[in-house]
């Protein structure tokens, strides 16, 4: 594969080249990883987009909202990329990848690009290479990149490490719904959007929004937020109401963070986080290679037979792989 030509195609906004590039970086083959690293080096000085991570409870209407929101943005002349992460089967490893079908109108928009990816075994609600896919979409000249996670869970805060804004999408419910959302994801949310604020659910959505607004006021104020953030708002994806106001608030928050230096500082912190994550993943991958794989199998058998403890066996393995004491 001619990586330089592929990088040139992506930088020129060629959608087919972008799709090929994302396929390359998602591959687990060793030779493809080398090529993917080279591709990212070619494109590292590309333009920046506003990265928006979006998660929500099951059935809240994430796909409907993303289609309506994306259509509104393309209607304003912006180019929008959607990276939708689909849950993978723990048994077969397969994924349905049906997001393009659910976003039928947006998928036909020439200013939009939708890429569904399997989560595979990756925790955190995103795919293993979502961050690199975001980088390719930025290099291709997209103005906004929407990262849709699998769904709300305790570990889905990872998406905050690859986005400029994190939006939590919730459905109308009573105050008890607050118990169903983990504090961790509440603490990283920049904006909470209560969807389905239409028809018979409109009053319930207003009450739910007030509940979350009150809950947000109880959280410790973050230094990267101006007065009034994080905030809760009501929207209707079906009636396309409130989306323009939500977008205006997102732009205002990004502009404030840029003006006060928080935007660049946050991206620098994220780069450091992903460097450390790459180191962790590289070390873990060594456990599947010989001769380490054989040592791990031997120690695993000893643990299973009760000849040693898991902690002692792990310390011995780390000592064999990295040297040192294996403690810490």
C-alpha atoms as a PDB file:
ATOM      1  CA  UNK A   1       0.000   0.000   0.000  1.00  0.00           C
ATOM      2  CA  UNK A   2       1.278   3.457  -0.962  1.00  0.00           C
ATOM      3  CA  UNK A   3       0.881   5.238   2.379  1.00  0.00           C
ATOM      4  CA  UNK A   4       1.971   8.638   1.041  1.00  0.00           C
ATOM      5  CA  UNK A   5      -0.681   8.471  -1.698  1.00  0.00           C
ATOM      6  CA  UNK A   6      -3.310   7.351   0.815  1.00  0.00           C
ATOM      7  CA  UNK A   7      -2.429  10.249   3.124  1.00  0.00           C
ATOM      8  CA  UNK A   8      -2.651  12.647   0.179  1.00  0.00           C
ATOM      9  CA  UNK A   9      -6.097  11.323  -0.688  1.00  0.00           C
ATOM     10  CA  UNK A  10      -7.334  11.693   2.879  1.00  0.00           C
ATOM     11  CA  UNK A  11      -5.966  15.242   3.125  1.00  0.00           C
ATOM     12  CA  UNK A  12      -7.804  16.057  -0.115  1.00  0.00           C
ATOM     13  CA  UNK A  13     -11.078  14.945   1.465  1.00  0.00           C
ATOM     14  CA  UNK A  14     -11.466  11.765  -0.584  1.00  0.00           C
ATOM     15  CA  UNK A  15     -14.104   9.692   1.220  1.00  0.00           C
ATOM     16  CA  UNK A  16     -12.903   6.378  -0.209  1.00  0.00           C
ATOM     17  CA  UNK A  17      -9.354   7.108   0.924  1.00  0.00           C
ATOM     18  CA  UNK A  18     -10.671   8.011   4.390  1.00  0.00           C
ATOM     19  CA  UNK A  19     -12.604   4.730   4.607  1.00  0.00           C
ATOM     20  CA  UNK A  20      -9.505   2.791   3.557  1.00  0.00           C
ATOM     21  CA  UNK A  21      -7.416   4.661   6.104  1.00  0.00           C
ATOM     22  CA  UNK A  22      -9.802   3.843   8.956  1.00  0.00           C
ATOM     23  CA  UNK A  23      -9.881   0.198   7.883  1.00  0.00           C
ATOM     24  CA  UNK A  24      -6.085   0.172   7.990  1.00  0.00           C
ATOM     25  CA  UNK A  25      -5.792   1.652  11.478  1.00  0.00           C
ATOM     26  CA  UNK A  26      -8.464  -0.721  12.820  1.00  0.00           C
ATOM     27  CA  UNK A  27      -6.540  -3.762  11.617  1.00  0.00           C
ATOM     28  CA  UNK A  28      -4.730  -5.803  14.231  1.00  0.00           C
ATOM     29  CA  UNK A  29      -2.088  -7.172  11.851  1.00  0.00           C
ATOM     30  CA  UNK A  30       1.460  -6.233  12.796  1.00  0.00           C
ATOM     31  CA  UNK A  31       2.369  -5.028   9.287  1.00  0.00           C
ATOM     32  CA  UNK A  32      -0.812  -2.936   9.149  1.00  0.00           C
ATOM     33  CA  UNK A  33       0.042  -1.338  12.491  1.00  0.00           C
ATOM     34  CA  UNK A  34       3.376  -0.214  11.052  1.00  0.00           C
ATOM     35  CA  UNK A  35       1.609   1.270   8.019  1.00  0.00           C
ATOM     36  CA  UNK A  36      -1.044   2.896  10.234  1.00  0.00           C
ATOM     37  CA  UNK A  37       1.636   4.586  12.321  1.00  0.00           C
ATOM     38  CA  UNK A  38       3.262   5.891   9.135  1.00  0.00           C
ATOM     39  CA  UNK A  39      -0.104   7.177   7.877  1.00  0.00           C
ATOM     40  CA  UNK A  40      -0.778   9.045  11.108  1.00  0.00           C
ATOM     41  CA  UNK A  41       2.690  10.613  10.967  1.00  0.00           C
ATOM     42  CA  UNK A  42       1.933  11.926   7.474  1.00  0.00           C
ATOM     43  CA  UNK A  43      -1.293  13.530   8.717  1.00  0.00           C
ATOM     44  CA  UNK A  44      -0.302  14.708  12.193  1.00  0.00           C
ATOM     45  CA  UNK A  45      -0.202  18.409  11.219  1.00  0.00           C
ATOM     46  CA  UNK A  46      -3.658  18.432   9.679  1.00  0.00           C
ATOM     47  CA  UNK A  47      -6.578  20.731  10.588  1.00  0.00           C
ATOM     48  CA  UNK A  48      -8.556  20.385  13.813  1.00  0.00           C
ATOM     49  CA  UNK A  49     -12.254  19.677  14.169  1.00  0.00           C
ATOM     50  CA  UNK A  50     -14.565  20.078  17.137  1.00  0.00           C
ATOM     51  CA  UNK A  51     -14.686  16.615  18.674  1.00  0.00           C
ATOM     52  CA  UNK A  52     -17.975  15.826  20.402  1.00  0.00           C
ATOM     53  CA  UNK A  53     -18.366  12.611  22.391  1.00  0.00           C
ATOM     54  CA  UNK A  54     -21.967  11.525  22.814  1.00  0.00           C
ATOM     55  CA  UNK A  55     -23.353   8.809  25.042  1.00  0.00           C
ATOM     56  CA  UNK A  56     -26.779   7.995  26.369  1.00  0.00           C
ATOM     57  CA  UNK A  57     -29.028   5.495  28.044  1.00  0.00           C
ATOM     58  CA  UNK A  58     -30.499   2.657  25.897  1.00  0.00           C
ATOM     59  CA  UNK A  59     -33.512   3.753  23.871  1.00  0.00           C
ATOM     60  CA  UNK A  60     -32.850   7.449  24.365  1.00  0.00           C
ATOM     61  CA  UNK A  61     -32.656   8.086  20.628  1.00  0.00           C
ATOM     62  CA  UNK A  62     -28.935   8.636  20.032  1.00  0.00           C
ATOM     63  CA  UNK A  63     -29.090   7.763  16.333  1.00  0.00           C
ATOM     64  CA  UNK A  64     -32.189   9.907  15.761  1.00  0.00           C
ATOM     65  CA  UNK A  65     -30.596  12.865  17.508  1.00  0.00           C
ATOM     66  CA  UNK A  66     -27.269  12.476  15.697  1.00  0.00           C
ATOM     67  CA  UNK A  67     -29.050  12.370  12.339  1.00  0.00           C
ATOM     68  CA  UNK A  68     -31.071  15.498  13.152  1.00  0.00           C
ATOM     69  CA  UNK A  69     -28.097  17.304  14.690  1.00  0.00           C
ATOM     70  CA  UNK A  70     -25.747  16.295  11.861  1.00  0.00           C
ATOM     71  CA  UNK A  71     -28.283  17.398   9.264  1.00  0.00           C
ATOM     72  CA  UNK A  72     -28.615  20.772  10.965  1.00  0.00           C
ATOM     73  CA  UNK A  73     -24.820  21.226  10.903  1.00  0.00           C
ATOM     74  CA  UNK A  74     -24.444  20.240   7.241  1.00  0.00           C
ATOM     75  CA  UNK A  75     -27.292  22.635   6.480  1.00  0.00           C
ATOM     76  CA  UNK A  76     -25.056  25.369   7.873  1.00  0.00           C
ATOM     77  CA  UNK A  77     -22.296  24.392   5.447  1.00  0.00           C
ATOM     78  CA  UNK A  78     -20.268  22.313   7.908  1.00  0.00           C
ATOM     79  CA  UNK A  79     -18.784  18.898   7.152  1.00  0.00           C
ATOM     80  CA  UNK A  80     -19.686  16.286   9.753  1.00  0.00           C
ATOM     81  CA  UNK A  81     -18.129  12.887  10.464  1.00  0.00           C
ATOM     82  CA  UNK A  82     -19.919  10.363  12.684  1.00  0.00           C
ATOM     83  CA  UNK A  83     -17.934   7.550  14.292  1.00  0.00           C
ATOM     84  CA  UNK A  84     -20.521   5.152  15.700  1.00  0.00           C
ATOM     85  CA  UNK A  85     -19.309   2.330  17.950  1.00  0.00           C
ATOM     86  CA  UNK A  86     -21.422  -0.824  17.838  1.00  0.00           C
ATOM     87  CA  UNK A  87     -21.328  -3.416  20.635  1.00  0.00           C
ATOM     88  CA  UNK A  88     -19.641  -6.697  19.754  1.00  0.00           C
ATOM     89  CA  UNK A  89     -20.854 -10.114  20.797  1.00  0.00           C
ATOM     90  CA  UNK A  90     -18.846 -11.562  23.673  1.00  0.00           C
ATOM     91  CA  UNK A  91     -19.445 -15.016  22.173  1.00  0.00           C
ATOM     92  CA  UNK A  92     -18.823 -14.578  18.436  1.00  0.00           C
ATOM     93  CA  UNK A  93     -17.069 -11.194  18.360  1.00  0.00           C
ATOM     94  CA  UNK A  94     -19.441  -9.997  15.628  1.00  0.00           C
ATOM     95  CA  UNK A  95     -21.276  -6.676  15.402  1.00  0.00           C
ATOM     96  CA  UNK A  96     -24.401  -5.608  13.508  1.00  0.00           C
ATOM     97  CA  UNK A  97     -22.986  -2.210  12.459  1.00  0.00           C
ATOM     98  CA  UNK A  98     -26.426  -0.870  11.591  1.00  0.00           C
ATOM     99  CA  UNK A  99     -25.905   2.810  12.361  1.00  0.00           C
ATOM    100  CA  UNK A 100     -25.809   3.877   8.708  1.00  0.00           C
ATOM    101  CA  UNK A 101     -29.196   2.206   8.247  1.00  0.00           C
ATOM    102  CA  UNK A 102     -30.641   4.093  11.230  1.00  0.00           C
ATOM    103  CA  UNK A 103     -29.221   7.377   9.874  1.00  0.00           C
ATOM    104  CA  UNK A 104     -30.521   6.919   6.356  1.00  0.00           C
ATOM    105  CA  UNK A 105     -30.925  10.605   5.484  1.00  0.00           C
ATOM    106  CA  UNK A 106     -27.575  11.707   6.925  1.00  0.00           C
ATOM    107  CA  UNK A 107     -25.757   8.815   5.245  1.00  0.00           C
ATOM    108  CA  UNK A 108     -26.790  10.239   1.847  1.00  0.00           C
ATOM    109  CA  UNK A 109     -25.634  13.760   2.718  1.00  0.00           C
ATOM    110  CA  UNK A 110     -22.499  14.634   0.676  1.00  0.00           C
ATOM    111  CA  UNK A 111     -21.186  16.707   3.588  1.00  0.00           C
ATOM    112  CA  UNK A 112     -21.498  13.839   6.075  1.00  0.00           C
ATOM    113  CA  UNK A 113     -19.453  10.693   6.629  1.00  0.00           C
ATOM    114  CA  UNK A 114     -20.686   7.842   8.846  1.00  0.00           C
ATOM    115  CA  UNK A 115     -18.379   5.061   9.942  1.00  0.00           C
ATOM    116  CA  UNK A 116     -19.675   2.282  12.232  1.00  0.00           C
ATOM    117  CA  UNK A 117     -16.979   0.306  14.050  1.00  0.00           C
ATOM    118  CA  UNK A 118     -17.154  -2.761  16.319  1.00  0.00           C
ATOM    119  CA  UNK A 119     -16.203  -2.259  19.952  1.00  0.00           C
ATOM    120  CA  UNK A 120     -14.625  -5.743  20.004  1.00  0.00           C
ATOM    121  CA  UNK A 121     -13.179  -6.384  23.485  1.00  0.00           C
ATOM    122  CA  UNK A 122     -12.435  -2.727  24.128  1.00  0.00           C
ATOM    123  CA  UNK A 123     -13.867  -1.231  27.306  1.00  0.00           C
ATOM    124  CA  UNK A 124     -14.993   2.355  27.666  1.00  0.00           C
ATOM    125  CA  UNK A 125     -17.767   2.472  25.076  1.00  0.00           C
ATOM    126  CA  UNK A 126     -15.415   3.202  22.174  1.00  0.00           C
ATOM    127  CA  UNK A 127     -13.464   1.081  19.714  1.00  0.00           C
ATOM    128  CA  UNK A 128      -9.775   0.299  20.123  1.00  0.00           C
ATOM    129  CA  UNK A 129      -8.754   2.793  17.440  1.00  0.00           C
ATOM    130  CA  UNK A 130     -11.508   5.412  17.716  1.00  0.00           C
ATOM    131  CA  UNK A 131      -9.003   8.126  18.638  1.00  0.00           C
ATOM    132  CA  UNK A 132      -6.966   7.475  15.491  1.00  0.00           C
ATOM    133  CA  UNK A 133     -10.122   7.404  13.368  1.00  0.00           C
ATOM    134  CA  UNK A 134     -10.947  10.855  14.764  1.00  0.00           C
ATOM    135  CA  UNK A 135      -7.497  12.068  13.693  1.00  0.00           C
ATOM    136  CA  UNK A 136      -8.082  10.828  10.139  1.00  0.00           C
ATOM    137  CA  UNK A 137     -11.478  12.546   9.966  1.00  0.00           C
ATOM    138  CA  UNK A 138      -9.851  15.793  11.087  1.00  0.00           C
ATOM    139  CA  UNK A 139      -7.146  15.410   8.452  1.00  0.00           C
ATOM    140  CA  UNK A 140      -9.885  14.892   5.833  1.00  0.00           C
ATOM    141  CA  UNK A 141     -11.207  18.367   6.625  1.00  0.00           C
ATOM    142  CA  UNK A 142     -14.342  17.607   8.613  1.00  0.00           C
ATOM    143  CA  UNK A 143     -15.419  20.480  10.838  1.00  0.00           C
ATOM    144  CA  UNK A 144     -17.222  18.397  13.472  1.00  0.00           C
ATOM    145  CA  UNK A 145     -16.560  14.797  14.531  1.00  0.00           C
ATOM    146  CA  UNK A 146     -19.315  13.077  16.527  1.00  0.00           C
ATOM    147  CA  UNK A 147     -18.205  10.024  18.504  1.00  0.00           C
ATOM    148  CA  UNK A 148     -21.204   7.905  19.491  1.00  0.00           C
ATOM    149  CA  UNK A 149     -20.425   5.430  22.268  1.00  0.00           C
ATOM    150  CA  UNK A 150     -22.026   2.037  22.841  1.00  0.00           C
ATOM    151  CA  UNK A 151     -24.185   3.308  25.718  1.00  0.00           C
ATOM    152  CA  UNK A 152     -24.051   4.566  29.274  1.00  0.00           C
ATOM    153  CA  UNK A 153     -21.947   2.462  31.623  1.00  0.00           C
ATOM    154  CA  UNK A 154     -19.441   2.813  34.410  1.00  0.00           C
ATOM    155  CA  UNK A 155     -16.419   2.742  32.096  1.00  0.00           C
ATOM    156  CA  UNK A 156     -17.639   4.996  29.295  1.00  0.00           C
ATOM    157  CA  UNK A 157     -15.703   7.985  30.544  1.00  0.00           C
ATOM    158  CA  UNK A 158     -12.925   6.973  28.107  1.00  0.00           C
ATOM    159  CA  UNK A 159     -14.648   8.956  25.357  1.00  0.00           C
ATOM    160  CA  UNK A 160     -13.793  12.129  27.288  1.00  0.00           C
ATOM    161  CA  UNK A 161     -10.137  11.394  26.574  1.00  0.00           C
ATOM    162  CA  UNK A 162     -10.663  11.854  22.830  1.00  0.00           C
ATOM    163  CA  UNK A 163     -13.246  14.639  22.657  1.00  0.00           C
ATOM    164  CA  UNK A 164     -13.400  18.375  23.250  1.00  0.00           C
ATOM    165  CA  UNK A 165     -16.968  18.207  24.532  1.00  0.00           C
ATOM    166  CA  UNK A 166     -18.838  15.350  26.151  1.00  0.00           C
ATOM    167  CA  UNK A 167     -22.612  15.319  25.729  1.00  0.00           C
ATOM    168  CA  UNK A 168     -24.790  12.998  27.790  1.00  0.00           C
ATOM    169  CA  UNK A 169     -28.164  12.215  26.236  1.00  0.00           C
ATOM    170  CA  UNK A 170     -31.010  11.177  28.549  1.00  0.00           C
ATOM    171  CA  UNK A 171     -34.701  10.383  28.249  1.00  0.00           C
ATOM    172  CA  UNK A 172     -37.562  11.955  30.226  1.00  0.00           C
ATOM    173  CA  UNK A 173     -38.104  10.202  33.556  1.00  0.00           C
ATOM    174  CA  UNK A 174     -38.758  10.895  37.213  1.00  0.00           C
ATOM    175  CA  UNK A 175     -36.147  11.972  39.721  1.00  0.00           C
ATOM    176  CA  UNK A 176     -35.302   8.323  40.415  1.00  0.00           C
ATOM    177  CA  UNK A 177     -33.614   8.241  37.014  1.00  0.00           C
ATOM    178  CA  UNK A 178     -30.708  10.055  38.653  1.00  0.00           C
ATOM    179  CA  UNK A 179     -29.884   6.832  40.445  1.00  0.00           C
ATOM    180  CA  UNK A 180     -29.413   5.058  37.121  1.00  0.00           C
ATOM    181  CA  UNK A 181     -26.643   7.323  35.886  1.00  0.00           C
ATOM    182  CA  UNK A 182     -23.207   6.853  37.410  1.00  0.00           C
ATOM    183  CA  UNK A 183     -21.575   9.806  39.112  1.00  0.00           C
ATOM    184  CA  UNK A 184     -18.428   9.357  37.028  1.00  0.00           C
ATOM    185  CA  UNK A 185     -20.185  10.038  33.741  1.00  0.00           C
ATOM    186  CA  UNK A 186     -22.100  12.947  35.290  1.00  0.00           C
ATOM    187  CA  UNK A 187     -18.839  14.545  36.386  1.00  0.00           C
ATOM    188  CA  UNK A 188     -17.363  14.564  32.882  1.00  0.00           C
ATOM    189  CA  UNK A 189     -20.502  15.707  31.046  1.00  0.00           C
ATOM    190  CA  UNK A 190     -20.264  19.223  29.640  1.00  0.00           C
ATOM    191  CA  UNK A 191     -23.877  19.339  28.493  1.00  0.00           C
ATOM    192  CA  UNK A 192     -26.791  17.041  29.351  1.00  0.00           C
ATOM    193  CA  UNK A 193     -29.497  16.882  26.704  1.00  0.00           C
ATOM    194  CA  UNK A 194     -32.874  15.518  27.743  1.00  0.00           C
ATOM    195  CA  UNK A 195     -34.324  14.174  24.498  1.00  0.00           C
ATOM    196  CA  UNK A 196     -37.946  13.508  23.496  1.00  0.00           C
ATOM    197  CA  UNK A 197     -39.153  16.872  24.820  1.00  0.00           C
ATOM    198  CA  UNK A 198     -42.234  16.719  22.627  1.00  0.00           C
ATOM    199  CA  UNK A 199     -45.855  15.606  22.769  1.00  0.00           C
ATOM    200  CA  UNK A 200     -46.954  13.958  25.996  1.00  0.00           C
ATOM    201  CA  UNK A 201     -43.375  13.697  27.228  1.00  0.00           C
ATOM    202  CA  UNK A 202     -42.646  17.413  27.025  1.00  0.00           C
ATOM    203  CA  UNK A 203     -43.591  18.218  30.628  1.00  0.00           C
ATOM    204  CA  UNK A 204     -41.756  15.135  31.913  1.00  0.00           C
ATOM    205  CA  UNK A 205     -38.662  16.199  29.961  1.00  0.00           C
ATOM    206  CA  UNK A 206     -38.816  19.662  31.518  1.00  0.00           C
ATOM    207  CA  UNK A 207     -38.982  18.164  35.019  1.00  0.00           C
ATOM    208  CA  UNK A 208     -36.150  15.743  34.280  1.00  0.00           C
ATOM    209  CA  UNK A 209     -34.015  18.589  32.957  1.00  0.00           C
ATOM    210  CA  UNK A 210     -34.625  20.509  36.182  1.00  0.00           C
ATOM    211  CA  UNK A 211     -33.625  17.435  38.216  1.00  0.00           C
ATOM    212  CA  UNK A 212     -30.324  17.109  36.378  1.00  0.00           C
ATOM    213  CA  UNK A 213     -29.652  20.824  36.505  1.00  0.00           C
ATOM    214  CA  UNK A 214     -29.994  20.612  40.266  1.00  0.00           C
ATOM    215  CA  UNK A 215     -27.724  17.577  40.419  1.00  0.00           C
ATOM    216  CA  UNK A 216     -25.056  19.360  38.354  1.00  0.00           C
ATOM    217  CA  UNK A 217     -25.032  22.269  40.799  1.00  0.00           C
ATOM    218  CA  UNK A 218     -24.050  19.857  43.563  1.00  0.00           C
ATOM    219  CA  UNK A 219     -20.928  18.732  41.708  1.00  0.00           C
ATOM    220  CA  UNK A 220     -17.600  20.457  42.270  1.00  0.00           C
ATOM    221  CA  UNK A 221     -17.033  23.291  39.788  1.00  0.00           C
ATOM    222  CA  UNK A 222     -14.359  22.536  37.209  1.00  0.00           C
ATOM    223  CA  UNK A 223     -11.702  25.086  36.350  1.00  0.00           C
ATOM    224  CA  UNK A 224     -12.156  24.492  32.606  1.00  0.00           C
ATOM    225  CA  UNK A 225     -15.796  25.618  32.720  1.00  0.00           C
ATOM    226  CA  UNK A 226     -17.217  29.155  32.527  1.00  0.00           C
ATOM    227  CA  UNK A 227     -20.127  30.229  34.688  1.00  0.00           C
ATOM    228  CA  UNK A 228     -23.255  28.183  33.989  1.00  0.00           C
ATOM    229  CA  UNK A 229     -21.494  25.016  32.832  1.00  0.00           C
ATOM    230  CA  UNK A 230     -22.028  22.126  32.855  1.00  0.00           C
ATOM    231  CA  UNK A 231     -25.694  22.576  32.036  1.00  0.00           C
ATOM    232  CA  UNK A 232     -28.797  20.572  31.233  1.00  0.00           C
ATOM    233  CA  UNK A 233     -31.095  21.352  28.302  1.00  0.00           C
ATOM    234  CA  UNK A 234     -34.169  19.860  26.626  1.00  0.00           C
ATOM    235  CA  UNK A 235     -34.226  18.894  22.948  1.00  0.00           C
ATOM    236  CA  UNK A 236     -36.485  17.065  20.540  1.00  0.00           C
ATOM    237  CA  UNK A 237     -34.730  15.107  17.820  1.00  0.00           C
ATOM    238  CA  UNK A 238     -38.041  14.217  16.158  1.00  0.00           C
ATOM    239  CA  UNK A 239     -39.258  17.820  15.990  1.00  0.00           C
ATOM    240  CA  UNK A 240     -35.682  19.135  15.665  1.00  0.00           C
ATOM    241  CA  UNK A 241     -36.244  21.650  18.444  1.00  0.00           C
ATOM    242  CA  UNK A 242     -33.513  22.896  20.753  1.00  0.00           C
ATOM    243  CA  UNK A 243     -30.687  21.565  18.593  1.00  0.00           C
ATOM    244  CA  UNK A 244     -29.617  24.997  17.371  1.00  0.00           C
ATOM    245  CA  UNK A 245     -29.527  26.279  20.947  1.00  0.00           C
ATOM    246  CA  UNK A 246     -27.502  23.275  22.061  1.00  0.00           C
ATOM    247  CA  UNK A 247     -25.024  23.849  19.207  1.00  0.00           C
ATOM    248  CA  UNK A 248     -24.693  27.511  20.157  1.00  0.00           C
ATOM    249  CA  UNK A 249     -23.879  26.494  23.743  1.00  0.00           C
ATOM    250  CA  UNK A 250     -21.290  23.984  22.518  1.00  0.00           C
ATOM    251  CA  UNK A 251     -19.601  26.611  20.360  1.00  0.00           C
ATOM    252  CA  UNK A 252     -19.606  29.108  23.219  1.00  0.00           C
ATOM    253  CA  UNK A 253     -17.982  26.592  25.561  1.00  0.00           C
ATOM    254  CA  UNK A 254     -15.277  25.678  23.029  1.00  0.00           C
ATOM    255  CA  UNK A 255     -14.570  29.350  22.328  1.00  0.00           C
ATOM    256  CA  UNK A 256     -14.247  30.121  26.059  1.00  0.00           C
ATOM    257  CA  UNK A 257     -11.885  27.221  26.623  1.00  0.00           C
ATOM    258  CA  UNK A 258      -9.738  28.263  23.684  1.00  0.00           C
ATOM    259  CA  UNK A 259      -9.579  31.840  24.915  1.00  0.00           C
ATOM    260  CA  UNK A 260      -8.522  30.762  28.414  1.00  0.00           C
ATOM    261  CA  UNK A 261      -6.004  28.121  27.336  1.00  0.00           C
ATOM    262  CA  UNK A 262      -7.995  25.107  28.559  1.00  0.00           C
ATOM    263  CA  UNK A 263      -8.614  23.769  25.048  1.00  0.00           C
ATOM    264  CA  UNK A 264      -4.953  23.299  24.109  1.00  0.00           C
ATOM    265  CA  UNK A 265      -4.052  22.104  27.609  1.00  0.00           C
ATOM    266  CA  UNK A 266      -6.771  19.458  27.459  1.00  0.00           C
ATOM    267  CA  UNK A 267      -5.620  18.185  24.080  1.00  0.00           C
ATOM    268  CA  UNK A 268      -2.060  17.968  25.404  1.00  0.00           C
ATOM    269  CA  UNK A 269      -3.296  15.928  28.391  1.00  0.00           C
ATOM    270  CA  UNK A 270      -5.212  13.641  26.045  1.00  0.00           C
ATOM    271  CA  UNK A 271      -2.118  13.067  23.887  1.00  0.00           C
ATOM    272  CA  UNK A 272      -0.168  12.056  26.991  1.00  0.00           C
ATOM    273  CA  UNK A 273      -2.996   9.746  28.097  1.00  0.00           C
ATOM    274  CA  UNK A 274      -3.011   7.929  24.756  1.00  0.00           C
ATOM    275  CA  UNK A 275       0.766   7.616  24.750  1.00  0.00           C
ATOM    276  CA  UNK A 276       0.550   5.823  28.097  1.00  0.00           C
ATOM    277  CA  UNK A 277      -2.351   3.715  26.819  1.00  0.00           C
ATOM    278  CA  UNK A 278      -0.300   2.635  23.787  1.00  0.00           C
ATOM    279  CA  UNK A 279       2.524   1.598  26.117  1.00  0.00           C
ATOM    280  CA  UNK A 280       0.096  -0.456  28.232  1.00  0.00           C
ATOM    281  CA  UNK A 281      -1.386  -2.154  25.175  1.00  0.00           C
ATOM    282  CA  UNK A 282       2.066  -2.906  23.746  1.00  0.00           C
ATOM    283  CA  UNK A 283       3.116  -4.537  27.002  1.00  0.00           C
ATOM    284  CA  UNK A 284      -0.077  -6.578  27.179  1.00  0.00           C
ATOM    285  CA  UNK A 285       0.411  -7.777  23.605  1.00  0.00           C
ATOM    286  CA  UNK A 286       3.741  -9.297  24.601  1.00  0.00           C
ATOM    287  CA  UNK A 287       1.887 -11.739  26.807  1.00  0.00           C
ATOM    288  CA  UNK A 288       0.476 -13.434  23.693  1.00  0.00           C
ATOM    289  CA  UNK A 289       3.892 -14.016  22.113  1.00  0.00           C
ATOM    290  CA  UNK A 290       6.454 -16.756  22.625  1.00  0.00           C
ATOM    291  CA  UNK A 291       8.332 -17.349  24.867  1.00  0.00           C
ATOM    292  CA  UNK A 292       6.244 -15.200  27.227  1.00  0.00           C
ATOM    293  CA  UNK A 293       3.082 -17.050  26.210  1.00  0.00           C
ATOM    294  CA  UNK A 294       4.625 -20.314  27.386  1.00  0.00           C
ATOM    295  CA  UNK A 295       5.694 -18.818  30.724  1.00  0.00           C
ATOM    296  CA  UNK A 296       2.208 -17.436  31.250  1.00  0.00           C
ATOM    297  CA  UNK A 297       0.633 -20.820  30.477  1.00  0.00           C
ATOM    298  CA  UNK A 298       2.971 -22.554  32.940  1.00  0.00           C
ATOM    299  CA  UNK A 299       2.268 -20.056  35.726  1.00  0.00           C
ATOM    300  CA  UNK A 300      -1.448 -20.153  34.981  1.00  0.00           C
ATOM    301  CA  UNK A 301      -1.442 -23.926  35.439  1.00  0.00           C
ATOM    302  CA  UNK A 302       0.382 -23.568  38.748  1.00  0.00           C
ATOM    303  CA  UNK A 303      -2.198 -21.047  39.956  1.00  0.00           C
ATOM    304  CA  UNK A 304      -5.057 -23.325  38.882  1.00  0.00           C
ATOM    305  CA  UNK A 305      -3.527 -26.228  40.817  1.00  0.00           C
ATOM    306  CA  UNK A 306      -3.037 -24.130  43.915  1.00  0.00           C
ATOM    307  CA  UNK A 307       0.765 -24.348  43.793  1.00  0.00           C
ATOM    308  CA  UNK A 308       1.134 -20.566  43.924  1.00  0.00           C
ATOM    309  CA  UNK A 309      -1.046 -17.495  44.376  1.00  0.00           C
ATOM    310  CA  UNK A 310      -2.212 -15.248  41.510  1.00  0.00           C
ATOM    311  CA  UNK A 311      -0.256 -12.311  42.961  1.00  0.00           C
ATOM    312  CA  UNK A 312       3.002 -14.281  43.254  1.00  0.00           C
ATOM    313  CA  UNK A 313       2.627 -15.726  39.744  1.00  0.00           C
ATOM    314  CA  UNK A 314       1.909 -12.290  38.271  1.00  0.00           C
ATOM    315  CA  UNK A 315       4.956 -10.822  40.023  1.00  0.00           C
ATOM    316  CA  UNK A 316       7.139 -13.608  38.607  1.00  0.00           C
ATOM    317  CA  UNK A 317       5.780 -13.083  35.088  1.00  0.00           C
ATOM    318  CA  UNK A 318       6.339  -9.322  35.179  1.00  0.00           C
ATOM    319  CA  UNK A 319       9.843  -9.929  36.491  1.00  0.00           C
ATOM    320  CA  UNK A 320      10.573 -12.305  33.589  1.00  0.00           C
ATOM    321  CA  UNK A 321       9.148  -9.919  30.978  1.00  0.00           C
ATOM    322  CA  UNK A 322      10.387  -6.540  32.220  1.00  0.00           C
ATOM    323  CA  UNK A 323      13.006  -7.356  34.827  1.00  0.00           C
ATOM    324  CA  UNK A 324      13.025  -5.809  38.268  1.00  0.00           C
ATOM    325  CA  UNK A 325      11.027  -6.956  41.261  1.00  0.00           C
ATOM    326  CA  UNK A 326       7.631  -7.256  39.586  1.00  0.00           C
ATOM    327  CA  UNK A 327       6.064  -5.329  42.443  1.00  0.00           C
ATOM    328  CA  UNK A 328       3.942  -2.164  42.353  1.00  0.00           C
END
